[in-house]
């Protein structure tokens, strides 16, 4: 898990209030928590890997 404060600082540096942050990896949800803390909308998407066809 990444420190929420660190991620929130990064989001603050590159977004404005009301922007959208997309988290494609959705691990523990730190990015979405940090986005909410900063007043930025957050969306997630995590596709399940397809079974190997090897």
Protein backbone atom coordinates (compact mmCIF):
# COMPACT_ATOMS: atom_id res chain seq x y z
CA UNK A 1 0.00 0.00 0.00
CA UNK A 2 1.31 3.42 -0.96
CA UNK A 3 1.13 6.28 1.58
CA UNK A 4 -2.11 8.16 0.90
CA UNK A 5 -0.48 11.53 1.61
CA UNK A 6 2.21 10.94 -1.00
CA UNK A 7 -0.35 10.02 -3.65
CA UNK A 8 -2.57 12.97 -2.66
CA UNK A 9 0.37 15.34 -3.15
CA UNK A 10 1.02 13.92 -6.62
CA UNK A 11 -2.65 14.26 -7.56
CA UNK A 12 -2.67 17.85 -6.29
CA UNK A 13 0.34 18.68 -8.47
CA UNK A 14 -1.25 17.52 -11.73
CA UNK A 15 -5.02 18.03 -11.33
CA UNK A 16 -7.58 20.72 -10.61
CA UNK A 17 -10.68 20.43 -8.44
CA UNK A 18 -13.27 18.35 -10.30
CA UNK A 19 -10.82 16.60 -12.63
CA UNK A 20 -10.96 12.84 -13.13
CA UNK A 21 -8.28 10.38 -11.98
CA UNK A 22 -8.37 6.92 -13.55
CA UNK A 23 -6.84 4.04 -11.59
CA UNK A 24 -6.31 1.10 -13.94
CA UNK A 25 -4.59 -1.17 -11.43
CA UNK A 26 -6.82 -0.81 -8.35
CA UNK A 27 -4.76 -2.42 -5.67
CA UNK A 28 -5.69 -1.27 -2.19
CA UNK A 29 -7.61 1.83 -3.33
CA UNK A 30 -5.03 4.38 -2.19
CA UNK A 31 -5.30 6.42 -5.39
CA UNK A 32 -9.08 6.71 -5.13
CA UNK A 33 -8.90 7.67 -1.44
CA UNK A 34 -6.31 10.33 -2.23
CA UNK A 35 -8.38 11.67 -5.13
CA UNK A 36 -11.42 12.00 -2.89
CA UNK A 37 -9.34 13.77 -0.26
CA UNK A 38 -8.26 16.31 -2.89
CA UNK A 39 -11.74 16.92 -4.32
CA UNK A 40 -10.98 15.06 -7.54
CA UNK A 41 -13.27 12.42 -9.01
CA UNK A 42 -11.81 8.94 -9.14
CA UNK A 43 -12.72 5.98 -11.30
CA UNK A 44 -11.32 2.49 -11.28
CA UNK A 45 -11.06 -0.33 -13.75
CA UNK A 46 -9.42 -3.64 -13.23
CA UNK A 47 -9.85 -6.27 -15.85
CA UNK A 48 -9.35 -9.84 -14.91
CA UNK A 49 -6.49 -11.39 -16.82
CA UNK A 50 -7.56 -13.82 -19.49
CA UNK A 51 -6.60 -17.45 -19.00
CA UNK A 52 -3.43 -18.42 -20.76
CA UNK A 53 -3.92 -20.15 -24.09
CA UNK A 54 -0.36 -21.44 -24.33
